[in-house]
Amino acid sequence: MFNGLVAYLDSIKARDPAPRSRWEILLYPGLLAVGMHRVAHWLFEADLFFLARFVNHLARWLTGIDIHPGAKIGRHLFIDHGFGVVIGETAEIGDNVSIYQDVTLGGTDPANGIGGKRHPTLADDVIVGSGAQILGPVTVHERARVGANAVVTKDVPEGAVMVGIPARSTLVDAAEYAREFVPYGTPCSETFDPATQKIEILQCQLEQMQKQLAALIAERDAEGDDAPRRKGSRNRA
């Protein structure tokens, strides 16, 4: 158990440059919320629903993080800052997932009136930026990143970077995928600061538009160069 806790703390330290020691991480609200959720989930699985809810409410009061006791969470979930995070009952979270503040893993109202699976599934190594909303029984596949304030309502492919409302995939250089961890899920800059994340996303979109414009200009110029040659060929004929 002790070794498991140390490995968990080290996994957080690898994803967060702020703490100087493991002792600091023990004070993180996200760590407390996940720990208390383990207890609440055990009670929920034992059909002790009132006690599970009591632990859930206590954790929410202490941390500002609301994780339904029924949610299934894998190893080494890192909830950074955490205030305002909401994780619904049928949500499923894989290993080494990182979630930032004000994220919602929300449900949809089933049309047939039957509960079932109504919350998202996050696969291993997913990063969800601050303010993002992932709604309904969608799946965010391995290593995908959801940018700040994005709204995801459809499945996200493996390794994709999603931005905007509704969220859409944005192209990221393959070298980015080789990096072990990219804080905040930011795709386009080496400055990973939550306060500037919206600006970075806009810069990314601007870079893409510039590349597309350059490609269109090059295509037009190429067609312009071919026109005299085609005209000369017709004259000789």
Protein backbone atom coordinates (compact mmCIF):
# COMPACT_ATOMS: atom_id res chain seq x y z
CA MET A 1 0.00 0.00 0.00
CA PHE A 2 2.83 2.39 0.90
CA ASN A 3 4.63 1.64 -2.36
CA GLY A 4 1.40 2.26 -4.26
CA LEU A 5 0.98 5.67 -2.59
CA VAL A 6 4.59 6.62 -3.39
CA ALA A 7 4.09 5.62 -7.03
CA TYR A 8 0.91 7.71 -7.14
CA LEU A 9 2.66 10.76 -5.68
CA ASP A 10 5.56 10.34 -8.11
CA SER A 11 3.13 10.14 -11.04
CA ILE A 12 1.65 13.48 -9.98
CA LYS A 13 5.08 15.05 -9.51
CA ALA A 14 5.98 13.96 -13.04
CA ARG A 15 2.95 15.87 -14.37
CA ASP A 16 3.17 18.96 -12.17
CA PRO A 17 6.30 21.15 -11.93
CA ALA A 18 5.03 23.01 -8.85
CA PRO A 19 5.63 20.64 -5.88
CA ARG A 20 9.13 20.43 -4.40
CA SER A 21 8.42 17.22 -2.53
CA ARG A 22 5.90 14.42 -2.09
CA TRP A 23 4.79 16.02 1.18
CA GLU A 24 3.35 18.98 -0.69
CA ILE A 25 1.33 16.70 -2.95
CA LEU A 26 -0.30 15.11 0.11
CA LEU A 27 -2.03 18.47 0.63
CA TYR A 28 -3.52 18.58 -2.88
CA PRO A 29 -7.36 18.68 -2.83
CA GLY A 30 -7.43 16.36 -5.86
CA LEU A 31 -5.50 13.72 -3.95
CA LEU A 32 -7.94 13.91 -1.02
CA ALA A 33 -10.96 13.82 -3.34
CA VAL A 34 -9.72 10.70 -5.17
CA GLY A 35 -8.82 8.99 -1.88
CA MET A 36 -12.25 9.67 -0.41
CA HIS A 37 -13.87 8.52 -3.64
CA ARG A 38 -12.16 5.13 -3.23
CA VAL A 39 -13.97 4.77 0.10
CA ALA A 40 -17.28 6.05 -1.32
CA HIS A 41 -17.05 3.72 -4.31
CA TRP A 42 -16.38 0.71 -2.04
CA LEU A 43 -19.50 1.60 -0.05
CA PHE A 44 -21.48 2.10 -3.26
CA GLU A 45 -20.45 -1.32 -4.56
CA ALA A 46 -21.59 -2.79 -1.23
CA ASP A 47 -25.04 -1.19 -1.75
CA LEU A 48 -24.46 1.14 1.20
CA PHE A 49 -25.70 4.07 -0.84
CA PHE A 50 -26.43 6.51 1.99
CA LEU A 51 -22.95 6.10 3.49
CA ALA A 52 -21.41 6.38 0.03
CA ARG A 53 -23.27 9.64 -0.55
CA PHE A 54 -22.24 10.92 2.86
CA VAL A 55 -18.55 10.40 2.05
CA ASN A 56 -19.14 11.99 -1.35
CA HIS A 57 -20.73 15.09 0.18
CA LEU A 58 -17.97 15.37 2.76
CA ALA A 59 -15.33 15.19 0.02
CA ARG A 60 -17.13 17.84 -2.01
CA TRP A 61 -17.36 20.13 1.02
CA LEU A 62 -13.64 19.73 1.74
CA THR A 63 -12.30 19.95 -1.81
CA GLY A 64 -14.90 21.47 -4.14
CA ILE A 65 -14.64 18.31 -6.27
CA ASP A 66 -17.80 16.25 -6.82
CA ILE A 67 -17.18 12.62 -7.83
CA HIS A 68 -20.27 10.42 -7.78
CA PRO A 69 -19.64 7.26 -5.73
CA GLY A 70 -20.61 5.12 -8.72
CA ALA A 71 -17.88 6.49 -11.01
CA LYS A 72 -15.11 4.03 -11.89
CA ILE A 73 -11.60 5.46 -11.64
CA GLY A 74 -8.35 3.77 -12.61
CA ARG A 75 -4.83 4.26 -11.26
CA HIS A 76 -3.05 7.58 -10.81
CA LEU A 77 -5.84 10.04 -11.63
CA PHE A 78 -4.45 13.56 -11.22
CA ILE A 79 -7.00 16.32 -10.55
CA ASP A 80 -4.95 19.53 -10.57
CA HIS A 81 -6.36 22.49 -8.58
CA GLY A 82 -9.67 20.70 -9.00
CA PHE A 83 -12.26 23.20 -7.77
CA GLY A 84 -15.48 22.80 -9.73
CA VAL A 85 -14.69 19.36 -11.17
CA VAL A 86 -17.81 17.19 -11.55
CA ILE A 87 -17.65 13.48 -12.46
CA GLY A 88 -20.95 11.68 -13.02
CA GLU A 89 -22.19 8.31 -11.85
CA THR A 90 -21.48 6.19 -14.93
CA ALA A 91 -18.22 7.91 -15.86
CA GLU A 92 -15.22 5.64 -16.34
CA ILE A 93 -11.64 6.89 -16.11
CA GLY A 94 -8.55 4.91 -17.11
CA ASP A 95 -4.99 5.07 -15.81
CA ASN A 96 -2.75 8.17 -15.66
CA VAL A 97 -5.52 10.58 -16.62
CA SER A 98 -5.06 14.30 -15.87
CA ILE A 99 -8.00 16.63 -15.25
CA TYR A 100 -7.81 20.35 -14.52
CA GLN A 101 -10.20 22.71 -12.73
CA ASP A 102 -13.87 23.26 -13.69
CA VAL A 103 -14.08 20.13 -15.84
CA THR A 104 -17.41 18.33 -16.14
CA LEU A 105 -17.84 14.70 -17.15
CA GLY A 106 -21.57 15.11 -17.53
CA GLY A 107 -24.50 12.91 -18.43
CA THR A 108 -27.32 13.08 -20.92
CA ASP A 109 -31.00 12.44 -20.24
CA PRO A 110 -31.81 9.02 -21.74
CA ALA A 111 -34.74 9.22 -24.17
CA ASN A 112 -36.12 5.87 -23.02
CA GLY A 113 -36.14 6.86 -19.36
CA ILE A 114 -33.65 4.13 -18.45
CA GLY A 115 -30.44 5.28 -16.78
CA GLY A 116 -27.76 3.06 -18.27
CA LYS A 117 -24.46 4.48 -19.43
CA ARG A 118 -24.90 8.26 -19.68
CA HIS A 119 -21.48 9.69 -18.78
CA PRO A 120 -18.13 9.73 -20.63
CA THR A 121 -15.33 7.18 -20.67
CA LEU A 122 -11.75 8.50 -20.59
CA ALA A 123 -9.10 6.01 -21.67
CA ASP A 124 -5.50 5.87 -20.40
CA ASP A 125 -3.25 8.98 -20.52
CA VAL A 126 -6.02 11.41 -21.48
CA ILE A 127 -5.59 15.10 -20.56
CA VAL A 128 -8.63 17.35 -20.05
CA GLY A 129 -7.95 21.10 -19.92
CA SER A 130 -9.59 23.56 -17.55
CA GLY A 131 -13.25 24.35 -18.14
CA ALA A 132 -13.78 21.54 -20.64
CA GLN A 133 -17.15 19.79 -20.77
CA ILE A 134 -17.39 16.17 -21.94
CA LEU A 135 -21.05 15.21 -22.19
CA GLY A 136 -22.85 11.93 -22.71
CA PRO A 137 -21.68 8.33 -23.12
CA VAL A 138 -18.80 9.26 -25.43
CA THR A 139 -15.33 7.74 -25.36
CA VAL A 140 -12.13 9.79 -25.30
CA HIS A 141 -9.52 7.35 -26.50
CA GLU A 142 -5.91 6.87 -25.38
CA ARG A 143 -3.55 9.88 -25.25
CA ALA A 144 -6.20 12.30 -26.50
CA ARG A 145 -6.18 15.87 -25.22
CA VAL A 146 -9.18 18.12 -24.70
CA GLY A 147 -8.34 21.82 -24.70
CA ALA A 148 -9.58 24.47 -22.29
CA ASN A 149 -13.32 25.22 -22.46
CA ALA A 150 -13.91 22.71 -25.26
CA VAL A 151 -17.28 20.96 -25.37
CA VAL A 152 -17.04 17.31 -26.44
CA THR A 153 -20.22 15.48 -27.44
CA LYS A 154 -18.76 12.86 -29.81
CA ASP A 155 -16.09 10.16 -29.52
CA VAL A 156 -12.50 11.42 -29.64
CA PRO A 157 -9.94 9.35 -31.61
CA GLU A 158 -6.70 8.14 -30.09
CA GLY A 159 -4.08 10.89 -29.82
CA ALA A 160 -6.40 13.65 -31.07
CA VAL A 161 -6.32 17.22 -29.72
CA MET A 162 -9.80 18.72 -29.41
CA VAL A 163 -10.56 22.45 -29.22
CA GLY A 164 -13.61 24.67 -29.60
CA ILE A 165 -17.40 24.52 -29.21
CA PRO A 166 -18.37 22.00 -30.38
CA ALA A 167 -14.95 20.41 -30.05
CA ARG A 168 -13.09 19.56 -33.25
CA SER A 169 -9.76 17.92 -33.84
CA THR A 170 -6.76 20.12 -34.55
CA LEU A 171 -3.57 18.95 -36.23
CA VAL A 172 -0.52 18.52 -34.01
CA ASP A 173 3.02 17.83 -35.17
CA ALA A 174 3.95 14.19 -34.68
CA ALA A 175 6.88 15.21 -32.47
CA GLU A 176 4.35 16.38 -29.86
CA TYR A 177 3.02 12.84 -29.48
CA ALA A 178 6.48 11.60 -28.52
CA ARG A 179 6.55 13.81 -25.44
CA GLU A 180 5.93 11.97 -22.21
CA PHE A 181 3.46 14.54 -20.88
CA VAL A 182 2.15 17.89 -22.08
CA PRO A 183 0.68 19.93 -19.21
CA TYR A 184 -2.79 21.41 -19.64
CA GLY A 185 -3.26 19.58 -22.94
CA THR A 186 -1.97 22.65 -24.81
CA PRO A 187 -1.05 21.70 -28.37
CA CYS A 188 0.82 24.63 -29.86
CA SER A 189 3.22 26.29 -27.46
CA GLU A 190 6.02 25.57 -25.05
CA THR A 191 4.39 28.02 -22.60
CA PHE A 192 1.90 25.86 -20.76
CA ASP A 193 0.05 28.41 -18.66
CA PRO A 194 -3.68 28.00 -17.99
CA ALA A 195 -4.10 31.78 -17.97
CA THR A 196 -2.95 31.99 -21.61
CA GLN A 197 -4.43 28.76 -22.90
CA LYS A 198 -7.17 30.43 -24.95
CA ILE A 199 -4.56 32.61 -26.66
CA GLU A 200 -2.46 29.56 -27.43
CA ILE A 201 -5.43 27.77 -28.99
CA LEU A 202 -6.15 30.82 -31.16
CA GLN A 203 -2.49 30.94 -32.18
CA CYS A 204 -2.72 27.29 -33.15
CA GLN A 205 -5.77 27.95 -35.30
CA LEU A 206 -4.05 30.96 -36.90
CA GLU A 207 -1.00 28.86 -37.74
CA GLN A 208 -3.22 26.26 -39.39
CA MET A 209 -5.01 28.92 -41.45
CA GLN A 210 -1.67 30.38 -42.54
CA LYS A 211 -0.48 26.95 -43.67
CA GLN A 212 -3.71 26.34 -45.57
CA LEU A 213 -3.46 29.78 -47.21
CA ALA A 214 0.15 29.16 -48.21
CA ALA A 215 -0.85 25.83 -49.74
CA LEU A 216 -3.67 27.47 -51.73
CA ILE A 217 -1.34 30.21 -52.99
CA ALA A 218 1.25 27.65 -54.03
CA GLU A 219 -1.44 25.67 -55.83
CA ARG A 220 -2.68 28.79 -57.64
CA ASP A 221 0.86 29.77 -58.65
CA ALA A 222 1.49 26.27 -59.96
CA GLU A 223 -1.67 26.44 -62.06
CA GLY A 224 -0.62 29.89 -63.33
CA ASP A 225 2.77 28.56 -64.46
CA ASP A 226 1.12 25.69 -66.31
CA ALA A 227 -1.30 27.93 -68.22
CA PRO A 228 1.25 29.39 -70.75
CA ARG A 229 2.61 25.92 -71.43
CA ARG A 230 -0.87 24.58 -72.11
CA LYS A 231 -1.59 27.55 -74.40
CA GLY A 232 1.67 27.01 -76.31
CA SER A 233 0.83 23.35 -76.79
CA ARG A 234 -2.55 24.25 -78.27
CA ASN A 235 -0.94 26.79 -80.69
CA ARG A 236 1.55 24.20 -81.97
CA ALA A 237 -1.28 21.78 -82.51
